[in-house]
Amino acid sequence: MAKDKSPVTPAVRMLRQAGIQFTDHLYAYEEKGGTAVSARELGVDEHSVIKTLIMEDELKNPLVVLMHGDRQVSTKELARLVGVKMIAPCAPDTANRHSGYMVGGTSPFGTRKQMPVYLEETIMALPRIYLNGGKRGYLVGLDPRDVARLLAPVMVRVAI
């Protein structure tokens, strides 16, 4: 699909404004299908499909975690690294309010609220990753170094 045919989301606008090269990947979204479905539909390894998780600490301060699709986040380890008592996923409606995206279409780019971003550092070893482009059924493929440059995330090792 040509770059100019991509959905125009806040994420796409942010990537274009930053001059970041990305590829568009539209697929048939399946409710609760997660990264397993998107990886299957794109024909890529689920490890390279990166999920964007909106979480919060005990004071309800939101944060973004970028994690391999085939891994989970150790919220206990993340809380320890961040220096808070606990971190948990936000309820879907809360995540939607913080990010400006619907759960299942959450992108780390162009979020409604500025939130700290934590990136599983092993993602940086991948040659190409696929992140949500801001719409259900739409991923963007890009170099993880561009993600790091644009989002300035805190690198963490919290995958389980």
C-alpha atoms as a PDB file:
ATOM      1  CA  MET A   1       0.000   0.000   0.000  1.00  0.00           C
ATOM      2  CA  ALA A   2       1.326   3.440  -0.883  1.00  0.00           C
ATOM      3  CA  LYS A   3       2.272   5.719   1.969  1.00  0.00           C
ATOM      4  CA  ASP A   4      -0.224   8.392   0.887  1.00  0.00           C
ATOM      5  CA  LYS A   5      -3.113   5.902   1.240  1.00  0.00           C
ATOM      6  CA  SER A   6      -2.520   5.297   4.932  1.00  0.00           C
ATOM      7  CA  PRO A   7      -5.249   6.299   7.366  1.00  0.00           C
ATOM      8  CA  VAL A   8      -4.618   9.816   8.610  1.00  0.00           C
ATOM      9  CA  THR A   9      -4.344   9.432  12.373  1.00  0.00           C
ATOM     10  CA  PRO A  10      -2.499  11.561  14.924  1.00  0.00           C
ATOM     11  CA  ALA A  11       0.208   8.845  14.851  1.00  0.00           C
ATOM     12  CA  VAL A  12       0.645   9.104  11.079  1.00  0.00           C
ATOM     13  CA  ARG A  13       0.758  12.904  11.300  1.00  0.00           C
ATOM     14  CA  MET A  14       3.457  12.726  13.990  1.00  0.00           C
ATOM     15  CA  LEU A  15       5.564  10.240  11.988  1.00  0.00           C
ATOM     16  CA  ARG A  16       5.276  12.300   8.809  1.00  0.00           C
ATOM     17  CA  GLN A  17       6.055  15.554  10.616  1.00  0.00           C
ATOM     18  CA  ALA A  18       9.198  13.945  12.073  1.00  0.00           C
ATOM     19  CA  GLY A  19      10.230  12.699   8.610  1.00  0.00           C
ATOM     20  CA  ILE A  20      10.232   9.067   9.727  1.00  0.00           C
ATOM     21  CA  GLN A  21      10.032   6.424   7.019  1.00  0.00           C
ATOM     22  CA  PHE A  22       7.348   3.824   7.675  1.00  0.00           C
ATOM     23  CA  THR A  23       5.302   1.260   5.806  1.00  0.00           C
ATOM     24  CA  ASP A  24       1.546   0.791   6.058  1.00  0.00           C
ATOM     25  CA  HIS A  25       0.019  -2.549   6.983  1.00  0.00           C
ATOM     26  CA  LEU A  26      -3.760  -2.820   6.978  1.00  0.00           C
ATOM     27  CA  TYR A  27      -5.374  -6.087   8.079  1.00  0.00           C
ATOM     28  CA  ALA A  28      -8.746  -7.462   9.136  1.00  0.00           C
ATOM     29  CA  TYR A  29      -9.055  -6.560  12.817  1.00  0.00           C
ATOM     30  CA  GLU A  30     -10.436  -9.242  15.123  1.00  0.00           C
ATOM     31  CA  GLU A  31     -11.848  -8.269  18.522  1.00  0.00           C
ATOM     32  CA  LYS A  32      -9.529  -9.578  21.263  1.00  0.00           C
ATOM     33  CA  GLY A  33      -7.233 -11.070  18.596  1.00  0.00           C
ATOM     34  CA  GLY A  34      -4.227  -9.058  19.723  1.00  0.00           C
ATOM     35  CA  THR A  35      -0.763  -9.310  18.246  1.00  0.00           C
ATOM     36  CA  ALA A  36      -1.218 -12.977  17.311  1.00  0.00           C
ATOM     37  CA  VAL A  37      -3.842 -11.987  14.726  1.00  0.00           C
ATOM     38  CA  SER A  38      -1.934  -8.988  13.372  1.00  0.00           C
ATOM     39  CA  ALA A  39       1.284 -11.044  13.093  1.00  0.00           C
ATOM     40  CA  ARG A  40      -0.578 -13.817  11.278  1.00  0.00           C
ATOM     41  CA  GLU A  41      -2.302 -11.373   8.930  1.00  0.00           C
ATOM     42  CA  LEU A  42       0.963  -9.555   8.128  1.00  0.00           C
ATOM     43  CA  GLY A  43       2.993 -12.766   7.878  1.00  0.00           C
ATOM     44  CA  VAL A  44       5.562 -11.612  10.438  1.00  0.00           C
ATOM     45  CA  ASP A  45       6.905 -12.992  13.714  1.00  0.00           C
ATOM     46  CA  GLU A  46       4.723 -11.977  16.671  1.00  0.00           C
ATOM     47  CA  HIS A  47       7.924 -11.021  18.534  1.00  0.00           C
ATOM     48  CA  SER A  48       8.357  -8.078  16.114  1.00  0.00           C
ATOM     49  CA  VAL A  49       4.772  -6.849  16.551  1.00  0.00           C
ATOM     50  CA  ILE A  50       5.005  -4.409  19.437  1.00  0.00           C
ATOM     51  CA  LYS A  51       2.025  -3.769  21.660  1.00  0.00           C
ATOM     52  CA  THR A  52       1.335  -0.329  23.087  1.00  0.00           C
ATOM     53  CA  LEU A  53       0.060  -0.705  26.646  1.00  0.00           C
ATOM     54  CA  ILE A  54      -1.403   2.145  28.677  1.00  0.00           C
ATOM     55  CA  MET A  55      -0.797   1.533  32.366  1.00  0.00           C
ATOM     56  CA  GLU A  56      -0.970   3.547  35.546  1.00  0.00           C
ATOM     57  CA  ASP A  57       0.695   3.692  38.933  1.00  0.00           C
ATOM     58  CA  GLU A  58      -1.042   3.685  42.318  1.00  0.00           C
ATOM     59  CA  LEU A  59      -1.672   7.446  42.017  1.00  0.00           C
ATOM     60  CA  LYS A  60      -3.384   6.912  38.626  1.00  0.00           C
ATOM     61  CA  ASN A  61      -0.483   8.538  36.739  1.00  0.00           C
ATOM     62  CA  PRO A  62      -0.551   7.057  33.227  1.00  0.00           C
ATOM     63  CA  LEU A  63       2.418   5.652  31.328  1.00  0.00           C
ATOM     64  CA  VAL A  64       3.062   3.847  28.059  1.00  0.00           C
ATOM     65  CA  VAL A  65       4.829   0.491  27.841  1.00  0.00           C
ATOM     66  CA  LEU A  66       6.043  -0.906  24.509  1.00  0.00           C
ATOM     67  CA  MET A  67       6.407  -4.687  24.647  1.00  0.00           C
ATOM     68  CA  HIS A  68       6.966  -7.603  22.257  1.00  0.00           C
ATOM     69  CA  GLY A  69       3.644  -9.093  21.173  1.00  0.00           C
ATOM     70  CA  ASP A  70       4.586 -12.548  22.429  1.00  0.00           C
ATOM     71  CA  ARG A  71       5.682 -11.363  25.888  1.00  0.00           C
ATOM     72  CA  GLN A  72       4.035  -9.962  28.985  1.00  0.00           C
ATOM     73  CA  VAL A  73       5.116  -7.078  31.211  1.00  0.00           C
ATOM     74  CA  SER A  74       6.344  -7.791  34.731  1.00  0.00           C
ATOM     75  CA  THR A  75       4.441  -4.949  36.368  1.00  0.00           C
ATOM     76  CA  LYS A  76       6.214  -5.681  39.653  1.00  0.00           C
ATOM     77  CA  GLU A  77       9.638  -5.207  38.033  1.00  0.00           C
ATOM     78  CA  LEU A  78       8.475  -2.126  36.127  1.00  0.00           C
ATOM     79  CA  ALA A  79       7.131  -0.561  39.337  1.00  0.00           C
ATOM     80  CA  ARG A  80      10.467  -1.246  41.039  1.00  0.00           C
ATOM     81  CA  LEU A  81      12.388   0.369  38.148  1.00  0.00           C
ATOM     82  CA  VAL A  82      10.057   3.373  38.002  1.00  0.00           C
ATOM     83  CA  GLY A  83      10.132   3.802  41.786  1.00  0.00           C
ATOM     84  CA  VAL A  84       6.422   3.409  42.522  1.00  0.00           C
ATOM     85  CA  LYS A  85       4.474   0.931  44.661  1.00  0.00           C
ATOM     86  CA  MET A  86       2.552  -0.673  41.818  1.00  0.00           C
ATOM     87  CA  ILE A  87       1.732  -0.474  38.138  1.00  0.00           C
ATOM     88  CA  ALA A  88      -1.328  -2.005  36.504  1.00  0.00           C
ATOM     89  CA  PRO A  89      -3.044  -1.823  33.120  1.00  0.00           C
ATOM     90  CA  CYS A  90      -5.640   0.948  32.817  1.00  0.00           C
ATOM     91  CA  ALA A  91      -9.276   0.063  32.300  1.00  0.00           C
ATOM     92  CA  PRO A  92     -10.062   0.313  28.559  1.00  0.00           C
ATOM     93  CA  ASP A  93     -12.111   3.527  28.871  1.00  0.00           C
ATOM     94  CA  THR A  94      -9.352   5.137  30.973  1.00  0.00           C
ATOM     95  CA  ALA A  95      -6.692   4.048  28.461  1.00  0.00           C
ATOM     96  CA  ASN A  96      -8.825   5.509  25.649  1.00  0.00           C
ATOM     97  CA  ARG A  97      -9.066   8.857  27.492  1.00  0.00           C
ATOM     98  CA  HIS A  98      -5.316   9.041  28.126  1.00  0.00           C
ATOM     99  CA  SER A  99      -4.205   8.008  24.646  1.00  0.00           C
ATOM    100  CA  GLY A 100      -6.994   9.384  22.485  1.00  0.00           C
ATOM    101  CA  TYR A 101      -7.143   5.994  20.729  1.00  0.00           C
ATOM    102  CA  MET A 102      -9.484   3.034  21.121  1.00  0.00           C
ATOM    103  CA  VAL A 103      -7.977  -0.010  22.817  1.00  0.00           C
ATOM    104  CA  GLY A 104      -6.929  -2.319  20.005  1.00  0.00           C
ATOM    105  CA  GLY A 105      -5.824   0.707  17.997  1.00  0.00           C
ATOM    106  CA  THR A 106      -3.555   2.433  20.514  1.00  0.00           C
ATOM    107  CA  SER A 107      -0.411   3.961  19.091  1.00  0.00           C
ATOM    108  CA  PRO A 108       2.471   5.364  21.133  1.00  0.00           C
ATOM    109  CA  PHE A 109       2.661   8.245  18.634  1.00  0.00           C
ATOM    110  CA  GLY A 110       0.420  11.299  18.840  1.00  0.00           C
ATOM    111  CA  THR A 111      -1.237  10.446  22.133  1.00  0.00           C
ATOM    112  CA  ARG A 112      -3.742  12.883  23.593  1.00  0.00           C
ATOM    113  CA  LYS A 113      -1.767  13.152  26.853  1.00  0.00           C
ATOM    114  CA  GLN A 114       1.993  13.343  27.166  1.00  0.00           C
ATOM    115  CA  MET A 115       2.991  10.232  29.098  1.00  0.00           C
ATOM    116  CA  PRO A 116       6.355   8.708  29.961  1.00  0.00           C
ATOM    117  CA  VAL A 117       7.226   5.854  27.593  1.00  0.00           C
ATOM    118  CA  TYR A 118       9.004   2.660  28.686  1.00  0.00           C
ATOM    119  CA  LEU A 119      10.405   0.447  25.954  1.00  0.00           C
ATOM    120  CA  GLU A 120      11.516  -3.160  26.431  1.00  0.00           C
ATOM    121  CA  GLU A 121      15.163  -2.745  25.439  1.00  0.00           C
ATOM    122  CA  THR A 122      15.346  -6.073  23.578  1.00  0.00           C
ATOM    123  CA  ILE A 123      13.059  -4.478  20.960  1.00  0.00           C
ATOM    124  CA  MET A 124      16.055  -2.400  19.872  1.00  0.00           C
ATOM    125  CA  ALA A 125      17.818  -5.550  18.599  1.00  0.00           C
ATOM    126  CA  LEU A 126      15.121  -6.130  15.960  1.00  0.00           C
ATOM    127  CA  PRO A 127      15.748  -4.872  12.413  1.00  0.00           C
ATOM    128  CA  ARG A 128      12.106  -3.809  11.908  1.00  0.00           C
ATOM    129  CA  ILE A 129       9.099  -3.565  14.187  1.00  0.00           C
ATOM    130  CA  TYR A 130       5.364  -3.166  13.682  1.00  0.00           C
ATOM    131  CA  LEU A 131       3.424  -0.786  15.920  1.00  0.00           C
ATOM    132  CA  ASN A 132      -0.174   0.306  15.892  1.00  0.00           C
ATOM    133  CA  GLY A 133      -0.732   3.263  13.594  1.00  0.00           C
ATOM    134  CA  GLY A 134      -3.650   4.669  15.578  1.00  0.00           C
ATOM    135  CA  LYS A 135      -6.529   2.623  14.213  1.00  0.00           C
ATOM    136  CA  ARG A 136      -7.747  -0.926  14.735  1.00  0.00           C
ATOM    137  CA  GLY A 137      -6.472  -3.085  11.881  1.00  0.00           C
ATOM    138  CA  TYR A 138      -3.588  -0.770  10.996  1.00  0.00           C
ATOM    139  CA  LEU A 139       0.075  -1.195  11.847  1.00  0.00           C
ATOM    140  CA  VAL A 140       3.102   0.793  10.728  1.00  0.00           C
ATOM    141  CA  GLY A 141       6.437  -0.888  10.083  1.00  0.00           C
ATOM    142  CA  LEU A 142       9.549   1.043  11.051  1.00  0.00           C
ATOM    143  CA  ASP A 143      13.065   0.914  12.409  1.00  0.00           C
ATOM    144  CA  PRO A 144      13.108   0.683  16.234  1.00  0.00           C
ATOM    145  CA  ARG A 145      15.841   3.350  16.297  1.00  0.00           C
ATOM    146  CA  ASP A 146      13.345   5.814  14.808  1.00  0.00           C
ATOM    147  CA  VAL A 147      10.890   4.936  17.567  1.00  0.00           C
ATOM    148  CA  ALA A 148      13.570   5.576  20.199  1.00  0.00           C
ATOM    149  CA  ARG A 149      14.581   8.860  18.567  1.00  0.00           C
ATOM    150  CA  LEU A 150      10.991  10.120  18.334  1.00  0.00           C
ATOM    151  CA  LEU A 151       9.612   8.963  21.701  1.00  0.00           C
ATOM    152  CA  ALA A 152      12.792   9.193  23.840  1.00  0.00           C
ATOM    153  CA  PRO A 153      11.657   6.202  25.937  1.00  0.00           C
ATOM    154  CA  VAL A 154      13.203   4.877  29.111  1.00  0.00           C
ATOM    155  CA  MET A 155      14.773   1.514  28.215  1.00  0.00           C
ATOM    156  CA  VAL A 156      13.726  -1.276  30.575  1.00  0.00           C
ATOM    157  CA  ARG A 157      13.985  -5.054  30.856  1.00  0.00           C
ATOM    158  CA  VAL A 158      10.588  -6.153  32.114  1.00  0.00           C
ATOM    159  CA  ALA A 159       9.566  -8.874  29.656  1.00  0.00           C
ATOM    160  CA  ILE A 160       8.331 -12.211  30.986  1.00  0.00           C
END
